[in-house]
C-alpha atoms as a PDB file:
ATOM      1  CA  MET A   1     111.714  82.632  68.541  1.00  0.00           C
ATOM      2  CA  THR A   2     110.792  84.339  71.773  1.00  0.00           C
ATOM      3  CA  SER A   3     107.972  83.080  73.956  1.00  0.00           C
ATOM      4  CA  SER A   4     104.455  83.911  72.801  1.00  0.00           C
ATOM      5  CA  ARG A   5     103.123  83.772  76.372  1.00  0.00           C
ATOM      6  CA  PRO A   6     103.624  87.484  77.264  1.00  0.00           C
ATOM      7  CA  TYR A   7     101.841  88.566  74.096  1.00  0.00           C
ATOM      8  CA  LEU A   8      98.959  86.168  74.706  1.00  0.00           C
ATOM      9  CA  VAL A   9      98.607  87.178  78.374  1.00  0.00           C
ATOM     10  CA  ARG A  10      98.470  90.872  77.386  1.00  0.00           C
ATOM     11  CA  ALA A  11      95.970  90.160  74.584  1.00  0.00           C
ATOM     12  CA  PHE A  12      93.670  87.960  76.688  1.00  0.00           C
ATOM     13  CA  ASN A  13      93.779  90.449  79.571  1.00  0.00           C
ATOM     14  CA  GLU A  14      92.707  93.258  77.235  1.00  0.00           C
ATOM     15  CA  TRP A  15      90.030  91.097  75.570  1.00  0.00           C
ATOM     16  CA  ILE A  16      88.557  90.040  78.915  1.00  0.00           C
ATOM     17  CA  LEU A  17      88.473  93.658  80.160  1.00  0.00           C
ATOM     18  CA  ASP A  18      86.969  94.890  76.850  1.00  0.00           C
ATOM     19  CA  ASN A  19      84.123  92.431  77.409  1.00  0.00           C
ATOM     20  CA  ASP A  20      83.421  93.803  80.911  1.00  0.00           C
ATOM     21  CA  CYS A  21      84.696  90.664  82.626  1.00  0.00           C
ATOM     22  CA  THR A  22      87.242  90.076  85.388  1.00  0.00           C
ATOM     23  CA  PRO A  23      90.628  88.628  84.359  1.00  0.00           C
ATOM     24  CA  TYR A  24      92.017  85.911  86.642  1.00  0.00           C
ATOM     25  CA  ILE A  25      95.355  84.159  86.275  1.00  0.00           C
ATOM     26  CA  VAL A  26      96.393  80.757  87.591  1.00  0.00           C
ATOM     27  CA  VAL A  27     100.012  80.731  88.769  1.00  0.00           C
ATOM     28  CA  ASP A  28     102.367  77.836  89.521  1.00  0.00           C
ATOM     29  CA  ALA A  29     103.729  79.090  92.852  1.00  0.00           C
ATOM     30  CA  GLY A  30     106.554  76.543  92.755  1.00  0.00           C
ATOM     31  CA  ILE A  31     108.409  78.193  89.860  1.00  0.00           C
ATOM     32  CA  GLN A  32     111.603  79.937  90.915  1.00  0.00           C
ATOM     33  CA  GLY A  33     111.201  83.707  91.297  1.00  0.00           C
ATOM     34  CA  VAL A  34     107.444  83.712  91.999  1.00  0.00           C
ATOM     35  CA  GLN A  35     106.611  86.220  94.738  1.00  0.00           C
ATOM     36  CA  VAL A  36     102.992  85.798  95.850  1.00  0.00           C
ATOM     37  CA  PRO A  37     101.322  85.594  99.282  1.00  0.00           C
ATOM     38  CA  THR A  38     102.162  82.017 100.277  1.00  0.00           C
ATOM     39  CA  GLU A  39      99.250  81.807 102.722  1.00  0.00           C
ATOM     40  CA  HIS A  40      96.888  81.851  99.708  1.00  0.00           C
ATOM     41  CA  VAL A  41      98.698  79.079  97.772  1.00  0.00           C
ATOM     42  CA  ALA A  42      96.769  75.798  97.512  1.00  0.00           C
ATOM     43  CA  ASN A  43      98.107  72.654  95.814  1.00  0.00           C
ATOM     44  CA  GLY A  44     101.099  74.628  94.578  1.00  0.00           C
ATOM     45  CA  GLN A  45      98.902  77.121  92.719  1.00  0.00           C
ATOM     46  CA  ILE A  46      97.358  80.503  93.358  1.00  0.00           C
ATOM     47  CA  VAL A  47      94.529  82.219  91.471  1.00  0.00           C
ATOM     48  CA  LEU A  48      94.823  85.996  91.253  1.00  0.00           C
ATOM     49  CA  ASN A  49      92.392  88.683  90.129  1.00  0.00           C
ATOM     50  CA  ILE A  50      94.392  91.084  87.936  1.00  0.00           C
ATOM     51  CA  SER A  51      91.574  93.524  87.132  1.00  0.00           C
ATOM     52  CA  PRO A  52      92.330  97.255  87.445  1.00  0.00           C
ATOM     53  CA  GLY A  53      90.120  97.442  90.556  1.00  0.00           C
ATOM     54  CA  ALA A  54      92.107  94.716  92.320  1.00  0.00           C
ATOM     55  CA  VAL A  55      95.706  95.622  91.456  1.00  0.00           C
ATOM     56  CA  ARG A  56      97.833  98.723  90.974  1.00  0.00           C
ATOM     57  CA  GLY A  57     100.557  99.204  88.408  1.00  0.00           C
ATOM     58  CA  LEU A  58     100.048  95.994  86.436  1.00  0.00           C
ATOM     59  CA  VAL A  59     102.937  95.466  84.034  1.00  0.00           C
ATOM     60  CA  VAL A  60     103.032  92.445  81.745  1.00  0.00           C
ATOM     61  CA  GLY A  61     106.578  92.510  80.430  1.00  0.00           C
ATOM     62  CA  ASN A  62     108.211  89.956  78.178  1.00  0.00           C
ATOM     63  CA  GLY A  63     109.739  88.120  81.141  1.00  0.00           C
ATOM     64  CA  ALA A  64     107.420  88.707  84.073  1.00  0.00           C
ATOM     65  CA  LEU A  65     104.080  90.016  85.263  1.00  0.00           C
ATOM     66  CA  GLU A  66     104.135  92.334  88.270  1.00  0.00           C
ATOM     67  CA  PHE A  67     101.774  94.515  90.277  1.00  0.00           C
ATOM     68  CA  SER A  68     100.989  95.642  93.797  1.00  0.00           C
ATOM     69  CA  ALA A  69      97.870  94.522  95.625  1.00  0.00           C
ATOM     70  CA  ARG A  70      96.448  94.070  99.099  1.00  0.00           C
ATOM     71  CA  PHE A  71      95.948  90.631 100.583  1.00  0.00           C
ATOM     72  CA  GLY A  72      93.959  90.686 103.806  1.00  0.00           C
ATOM     73  CA  GLY A  73      94.612  94.435 103.995  1.00  0.00           C
ATOM     74  CA  VAL A  74      98.387  93.966 103.775  1.00  0.00           C
ATOM     75  CA  PRO A  75     100.038  95.570 100.725  1.00  0.00           C
ATOM     76  CA  MET A  76     102.375  93.374  98.704  1.00  0.00           C
ATOM     77  CA  GLN A  77     104.418  93.631  95.543  1.00  0.00           C
ATOM     78  CA  VAL A  78     103.678  90.562  93.386  1.00  0.00           C
ATOM     79  CA  PHE A  79     106.214  89.264  90.870  1.00  0.00           C
ATOM     80  CA  ILE A  80     105.459  86.345  88.562  1.00  0.00           C
ATOM     81  CA  PRO A  81     107.826  85.073  85.872  1.00  0.00           C
ATOM     82  CA  LEU A  82     105.607  84.506  82.834  1.00  0.00           C
ATOM     83  CA  GLN A  83     106.573  80.830  82.613  1.00  0.00           C
ATOM     84  CA  ALA A  84     104.668  80.437  85.920  1.00  0.00           C
ATOM     85  CA  VAL A  85     101.387  81.728  84.417  1.00  0.00           C
ATOM     86  CA  MET A  86      99.408  78.566  83.729  1.00  0.00           C
ATOM     87  CA  ALA A  87      96.157  80.166  82.521  1.00  0.00           C
ATOM     88  CA  ILE A  88      94.257  83.416  82.102  1.00  0.00           C
ATOM     89  CA  TYR A  89      90.468  83.425  82.063  1.00  0.00           C
ATOM     90  CA  ALA A  90      87.342  85.507  82.674  1.00  0.00           C
ATOM     91  CA  LYS A  91      85.838  84.877  86.108  1.00  0.00           C
ATOM     92  CA  GLU A  92      82.292  85.311  84.826  1.00  0.00           C
ATOM     93  CA  ASN A  93      82.287  82.673  82.079  1.00  0.00           C
ATOM     94  CA  GLY A  94      85.605  80.798  82.181  1.00  0.00           C
ATOM     95  CA  GLU A  95      86.614  81.969  78.688  1.00  0.00           C
ATOM     96  CA  GLY A  96      90.361  82.252  78.271  1.00  0.00           C
ATOM     97  CA  MET A  97      93.478  80.206  77.651  1.00  0.00           C
ATOM     98  CA  VAL A  98      95.460  77.488  79.396  1.00  0.00           C
ATOM     99  CA  PHE A  99      99.172  77.482  78.589  1.00  0.00           C
ATOM    100  CA  GLY A 100     101.203  74.341  77.981  1.00  0.00           C
ATOM    101  CA  SER A 101     104.952  74.047  78.104  1.00  0.00           C
ATOM    102  CA  GLU A 102     106.865  75.808  75.369  1.00  0.00           C
ATOM    103  CA  PRO A 103     109.879  74.520  73.461  1.00  0.00           C
ATOM    104  CA  GLY A 104     113.035  75.260  75.421  1.00  0.00           C
ATOM    105  CA  SER A 105     111.261  75.599  78.772  1.00  0.00           C
ATOM    106  CA  PRO A 106     112.291  73.381  81.688  1.00  0.00           C
ATOM    107  CA  ASP A 107     110.587  69.985  81.978  1.00  0.00           C
ATOM    108  CA  PRO A 108     108.042  70.176  84.821  1.00  0.00           C
ATOM    109  CA  ASP A 109     108.342  66.405  85.427  1.00  0.00           C
ATOM    110  CA  GLY A 110     111.992  66.480  86.327  1.00  0.00           C
ATOM    111  CA  PRO A 111     115.510  67.600  85.451  1.00  0.00           C
ATOM    112  CA  GLY A 112     117.064  67.086  82.064  1.00  0.00           C
ATOM    113  CA  GLU A 113     115.487  66.738  78.697  1.00  0.00           C
ATOM    114  CA  LYS A 114     113.553  63.647  77.728  1.00  0.00           C
ATOM    115  CA  GLU A 115     114.283  62.184  74.363  1.00  0.00           C
ATOM    116  CA  THR A 116     111.369  61.591  72.101  1.00  0.00           C
ATOM    117  CA  PRO A 117     111.647  59.165  69.230  1.00  0.00           C
ATOM    118  CA  PRO A 118     111.350  60.638  65.757  1.00  0.00           C
ATOM    119  CA  PRO A 119     107.859  60.416  64.311  1.00  0.00           C
ATOM    120  CA  SER A 120     107.095  57.506  62.044  1.00  0.00           C
ATOM    121  CA  SER A 121     106.414  58.217  58.396  1.00  0.00           C
ATOM    122  CA  ASP A 122     102.634  58.284  58.925  1.00  0.00           C
ATOM    123  CA  GLU A 123     102.981  60.700  61.904  1.00  0.00           C
ATOM    124  CA  ARG A 124     105.237  63.216  60.182  1.00  0.00           C
ATOM    125  CA  PRO A 125     103.657  66.627  59.671  1.00  0.00           C
ATOM    126  CA  SER A 126     102.376  67.315  56.198  1.00  0.00           C
ATOM    127  CA  GLY A 127     103.802  70.825  56.239  1.00  0.00           C
ATOM    128  CA  ARG A 128     100.414  72.271  57.120  1.00  0.00           C
ATOM    129  CA  PRO A 129      99.855  73.643  60.628  1.00  0.00           C
ATOM    130  CA  THR A 130      97.179  71.958  62.712  1.00  0.00           C
ATOM    131  CA  LEU A 131      95.191  73.125  65.705  1.00  0.00           C
ATOM    132  CA  LYS A 132      93.822  71.051  68.535  1.00  0.00           C
ATOM    133  CA  VAL A 133      90.820  71.910  70.740  1.00  0.00           C
ATOM    134  CA  VAL A 134      91.720  71.989  74.440  1.00  0.00           C
ATOM    135  CA  LYS A 135      88.889  71.998  76.936  1.00  0.00           C
END
């Protein structure tokens, strides 16, 4: 299946705007292809306001998020592969979503795939989906 991240980013962005809040995204600036103002990157991450008043021409495609904005009065075209979007949230109340790694995405801890042992009989899924609360 394709990544769910672009669909979730679009949905959360719309939901945050519909509730009169300001959508912010957290971006991993170290992912290949990320084009953001490097002078605003801290600890390998950058937080960006993607509200209509802050950016122009926001497009959340299935592979990347892009827009133009001004940083310190200097216009810049921003390009962010969606795998680099770590979270989207409302500035006013912190409501939103943090993204984990998806199956098939590169391992952030290093090259190559890590093998995981098969689950024991008591850890095997029962066939029913489960959800976990992430705070």
